Amino acid sequence: GGIHPHDAAALRDWFADRSAVLLAGPGLGESAPEVCRALLGKNAPWRGAVLDADALNALAAGKLRGGLPANTILTPHPGEAARLLGTTVAEIQADRAQAARQLAEKYDCIAVLKGSGTLVAKPDGTLWHNNTGNAGLARGGSGDVLAGMLAALLACGLPAYQAAACAVYLHGAAADRAAAKRGEYGMLPHDILPDWAHCLRKTKDKREKRQLHKTPCSCRFLLL
């Protein structure tokens, strides 16, 4: 199964007079370039967008015309980052901070460079280094969970940079809780979700400023 480009165009039209966030990429497969062209491009209706997986590959291949919507977040792992920058994984990993900044500047968006110590970069060079998370997040599907969290926080009204920092931090914190209970090798992507809810609730109820003060995150979405 999949999304036909004609359906994607109709979906874009349906959202034209609504305030909505787009998450594109996971599971799109070979249809990604056509679907993303239909959903994105000039006058796209989205208040924000998260591009992951196959959407990043389409972007790297130059198959998406026009600029990206305002408040777009890219979520590449090192391999996808290498394709987006036309370089190698070794070069990305040799200077991850520089790579994150280059991604944000080149595509004029927020870049989330995943990996050990995920980085969040703005086009102006601002960089935030995350200190939560563990090797259990390397399992396939964990990035899809993060992409969904990013889109949810964008939909709550957070600016893209704050949404990215909050989602990355809480995604990692939830993974640390899951690993404490199941082990890094035993945890699965869906195990993150109950612990993410716990981290949200704990942050809202106890205002853990000692842990959150280093993140560019207002956490106003917790009051919804």
Protein backbone atom coordinates (compact mmCIF):
# COMPACT_ATOMS: atom_id res chain seq x y z
CA GLY A 1 0.00 0.00 0.00
CA GLY A 2 0.91 3.65 -0.15
CA ILE A 3 -0.25 7.15 -1.01
CA HIS A 4 -0.92 7.95 -4.65
CA PRO A 5 0.34 11.39 -5.78
CA HIS A 6 -3.19 12.34 -6.89
CA ASP A 7 -4.43 11.57 -3.38
CA ALA A 8 -1.60 13.64 -1.93
CA ALA A 9 -2.62 16.64 -4.04
CA ALA A 10 -6.21 16.28 -2.87
CA LEU A 11 -5.02 16.03 0.73
CA ARG A 12 -3.05 19.25 0.34
CA ASP A 13 -6.12 20.99 -1.07
CA TRP A 14 -8.26 19.69 1.79
CA PHE A 15 -5.88 21.26 4.32
CA ALA A 16 -5.61 24.56 2.42
CA ASP A 17 -7.91 26.45 4.80
CA ARG A 18 -6.83 24.63 7.96
CA SER A 19 -3.92 24.97 10.37
CA ALA A 20 -2.06 21.69 10.07
CA VAL A 21 1.42 20.19 10.34
CA LEU A 22 2.84 17.77 7.79
CA LEU A 23 4.93 14.70 8.68
CA ALA A 24 6.28 13.09 5.51
CA GLY A 25 8.69 10.27 4.85
CA PRO A 26 8.24 7.14 6.96
CA GLY A 27 6.91 4.30 4.83
CA LEU A 28 6.51 6.29 1.61
CA GLY A 29 8.94 4.14 -0.37
CA GLU A 30 9.38 4.72 -4.09
CA SER A 31 6.41 7.09 -4.23
CA ALA A 32 8.15 9.59 -1.95
CA PRO A 33 9.31 12.07 -4.64
CA GLU A 34 5.89 12.34 -6.31
CA VAL A 35 3.96 12.43 -3.02
CA CYS A 36 6.27 15.02 -1.46
CA ARG A 37 6.16 17.21 -4.57
CA ALA A 38 2.37 17.15 -4.35
CA LEU A 39 2.34 17.95 -0.63
CA LEU A 40 5.12 20.54 -0.55
CA GLY A 41 6.19 23.25 -2.96
CA LYS A 42 5.01 26.81 -3.44
CA ASN A 43 2.09 27.97 -1.28
CA ALA A 44 2.03 24.75 0.75
CA PRO A 45 -0.65 25.15 3.46
CA TRP A 46 1.34 23.68 6.35
CA ARG A 47 2.09 25.66 9.51
CA GLY A 48 5.13 23.39 9.89
CA ALA A 49 6.61 20.22 8.45
CA VAL A 50 8.76 17.30 9.57
CA LEU A 51 10.68 15.48 6.83
CA ASP A 52 12.12 12.08 7.66
CA ALA A 53 13.25 8.86 5.96
CA ASP A 54 12.14 8.64 2.29
CA ALA A 55 11.27 12.34 2.17
CA LEU A 56 14.89 13.12 3.07
CA ASN A 57 16.11 10.83 0.29
CA ALA A 58 13.86 12.62 -2.20
CA LEU A 59 15.18 15.98 -0.99
CA ALA A 60 18.79 14.78 -1.26
CA ALA A 61 18.18 13.56 -4.81
CA GLY A 62 16.93 17.00 -5.85
CA LYS A 63 13.45 15.72 -6.58
CA LEU A 64 11.61 18.33 -4.50
CA ARG A 65 11.19 21.62 -6.31
CA GLY A 66 10.90 24.96 -4.57
CA GLY A 67 11.62 25.88 -0.99
CA LEU A 68 10.46 24.06 2.08
CA PRO A 69 7.57 25.38 4.20
CA ALA A 70 8.33 27.69 7.10
CA ASN A 71 9.01 25.84 10.35
CA THR A 72 10.38 22.75 8.62
CA ILE A 73 12.41 20.23 10.61
CA LEU A 74 14.72 17.69 8.96
CA THR A 75 15.57 14.56 10.96
CA PRO A 76 18.47 12.74 9.24
CA HIS A 77 20.66 10.01 10.65
CA PRO A 78 24.32 10.23 9.54
CA GLY A 79 23.72 8.32 6.31
CA GLU A 80 20.85 10.56 5.27
CA ALA A 81 22.85 13.63 6.33
CA ALA A 82 25.71 12.52 4.09
CA ARG A 83 23.36 12.28 1.10
CA LEU A 84 21.81 15.67 1.89
CA LEU A 85 25.24 17.32 2.00
CA GLY A 86 26.84 15.31 -0.80
CA THR A 87 29.56 13.89 1.42
CA THR A 88 30.40 10.70 3.33
CA VAL A 89 29.21 9.31 6.64
CA ALA A 90 32.81 9.42 7.89
CA GLU A 91 32.98 13.16 7.23
CA ILE A 92 29.63 13.73 8.92
CA GLN A 93 30.74 11.85 12.02
CA ALA A 94 34.15 13.57 12.06
CA ASP A 95 32.48 16.95 12.76
CA ARG A 96 28.83 16.42 13.64
CA ALA A 97 28.35 19.98 14.86
CA GLN A 98 29.54 21.43 11.57
CA ALA A 99 27.38 18.98 9.62
CA ALA A 100 24.26 19.93 11.60
CA ARG A 101 24.90 23.62 11.00
CA GLN A 102 25.49 23.03 7.28
CA LEU A 103 22.21 21.13 6.98
CA ALA A 104 20.27 23.92 8.68
CA GLU A 105 21.91 26.60 6.55
CA LYS A 106 21.67 24.76 3.22
CA TYR A 107 17.99 23.90 3.58
CA ASP A 108 17.00 26.98 5.67
CA CYS A 109 15.31 24.89 8.32
CA ILE A 110 15.85 23.24 11.68
CA ALA A 111 18.17 20.24 11.41
CA VAL A 112 18.06 17.35 13.89
CA LEU A 113 21.18 15.24 13.32
CA LYS A 114 20.43 11.96 15.05
CA GLY A 115 22.99 9.70 16.67
CA SER A 116 24.90 9.55 19.93
CA GLY A 117 24.38 13.05 21.30
CA THR A 118 21.70 14.24 18.88
CA LEU A 119 22.23 17.81 17.67
CA VAL A 120 19.61 20.46 16.89
CA ALA A 121 20.76 23.32 14.65
CA LYS A 122 19.26 26.58 13.38
CA PRO A 123 20.20 28.31 10.09
CA ASP A 124 21.94 31.08 12.05
CA GLY A 125 24.40 28.55 13.49
CA THR A 126 22.77 28.13 16.90
CA LEU A 127 23.38 24.57 18.10
CA TRP A 128 22.00 22.51 20.96
CA HIS A 129 23.48 19.18 22.08
CA ASN A 130 21.14 16.63 23.66
CA ASN A 131 22.36 14.57 26.59
CA THR A 132 19.51 12.04 26.93
CA GLY A 133 19.01 8.73 25.14
CA ASN A 134 20.91 5.47 24.75
CA ALA A 135 21.91 2.82 22.21
CA GLY A 136 18.43 1.28 22.31
CA LEU A 137 17.27 4.15 20.09
CA ALA A 138 19.35 2.74 17.23
CA ARG A 139 16.63 0.15 16.64
CA GLY A 140 14.53 0.69 13.52
CA GLY A 141 11.31 2.56 14.21
CA SER A 142 12.66 4.72 17.02
CA GLY A 143 13.20 7.58 14.58
CA ASP A 144 9.59 7.29 13.44
CA VAL A 145 8.48 7.78 17.04
CA LEU A 146 10.65 10.90 17.28
CA ALA A 147 9.24 12.25 14.02
CA GLY A 148 5.72 11.86 15.37
CA MET A 149 6.66 13.65 18.58
CA LEU A 150 8.17 16.52 16.59
CA ALA A 151 5.02 16.90 14.50
CA ALA A 152 2.83 16.80 17.60
CA LEU A 153 4.76 19.58 19.31
CA LEU A 154 4.72 21.70 16.14
CA ALA A 155 0.96 21.21 16.02
CA CYS A 156 0.76 22.44 19.63
CA GLY A 157 2.20 25.75 18.44
CA LEU A 158 5.83 25.58 19.54
CA PRO A 159 8.37 27.26 17.24
CA ALA A 160 10.30 24.70 15.22
CA TYR A 161 13.55 25.00 17.19
CA GLN A 162 11.81 24.65 20.55
CA ALA A 163 9.68 21.77 19.28
CA ALA A 164 12.80 19.99 18.06
CA ALA A 165 14.72 20.50 21.30
CA CYS A 166 11.78 19.41 23.46
CA ALA A 167 11.00 16.34 21.37
CA VAL A 168 14.61 15.20 21.20
CA TYR A 169 15.15 15.68 24.92
CA LEU A 170 11.92 13.94 25.97
CA HIS A 171 12.36 11.14 23.39
CA GLY A 172 15.77 10.39 24.90
CA ALA A 173 14.57 10.73 28.49
CA ALA A 174 11.72 8.30 27.80
CA ALA A 175 14.16 5.88 26.17
CA ASP A 176 16.37 6.04 29.27
CA ARG A 177 13.39 5.09 31.43
CA ALA A 178 12.46 2.26 29.06
CA ALA A 179 16.03 0.97 29.07
CA ALA A 180 16.14 1.01 32.86
CA LYS A 181 13.16 -1.36 32.89
CA ARG A 182 13.81 -3.53 29.84
CA GLY A 183 17.46 -3.02 28.97
CA GLU A 184 18.85 -1.25 25.90
CA TYR A 185 18.77 -4.48 23.89
CA GLY A 186 15.30 -5.50 25.04
CA MET A 187 13.41 -2.24 24.51
CA LEU A 188 11.36 -1.68 21.36
CA PRO A 189 10.25 1.62 19.79
CA HIS A 190 6.71 1.33 21.12
CA ASP A 191 8.09 0.96 24.65
CA ILE A 192 9.12 4.61 24.49
CA LEU A 193 5.55 5.91 24.34
CA PRO A 194 4.32 5.14 27.88
CA ASP A 195 7.55 6.50 29.31
CA TRP A 196 7.31 9.61 27.12
CA ALA A 197 3.86 10.23 28.60
CA HIS A 198 5.39 9.82 32.06
CA CYS A 199 8.14 12.33 31.25
CA LEU A 200 5.56 14.82 30.01
CA ARG A 201 3.45 14.41 33.11
CA LYS A 202 6.44 14.58 35.43
CA THR A 203 7.70 17.74 33.75
CA LYS A 204 4.28 19.36 34.00
CA ASP A 205 3.65 18.38 37.60
CA LYS A 206 7.09 18.90 39.11
CA ARG A 207 8.57 21.52 36.75
CA GLU A 208 11.93 19.82 36.52
CA LYS A 209 13.84 23.00 35.82
CA ARG A 210 17.08 21.46 37.00
CA GLN A 211 16.97 19.09 34.00
CA LEU A 212 15.29 21.35 31.47
CA HIS A 213 17.06 24.65 32.03
CA LYS A 214 19.72 23.78 29.45
CA THR A 215 17.21 23.11 26.69
CA PRO A 216 15.75 25.91 24.51
CA CYS A 217 12.33 24.56 25.40
CA SER A 218 9.44 26.43 26.98
CA CYS A 219 7.36 23.25 27.47
CA ARG A 220 4.18 25.37 27.20
CA PHE A 221 2.64 22.47 25.29
CA LEU A 222 2.42 20.61 28.58
CA LEU A 223 -0.43 22.86 29.66
CA LEU A 224 -2.75 21.71 26.88
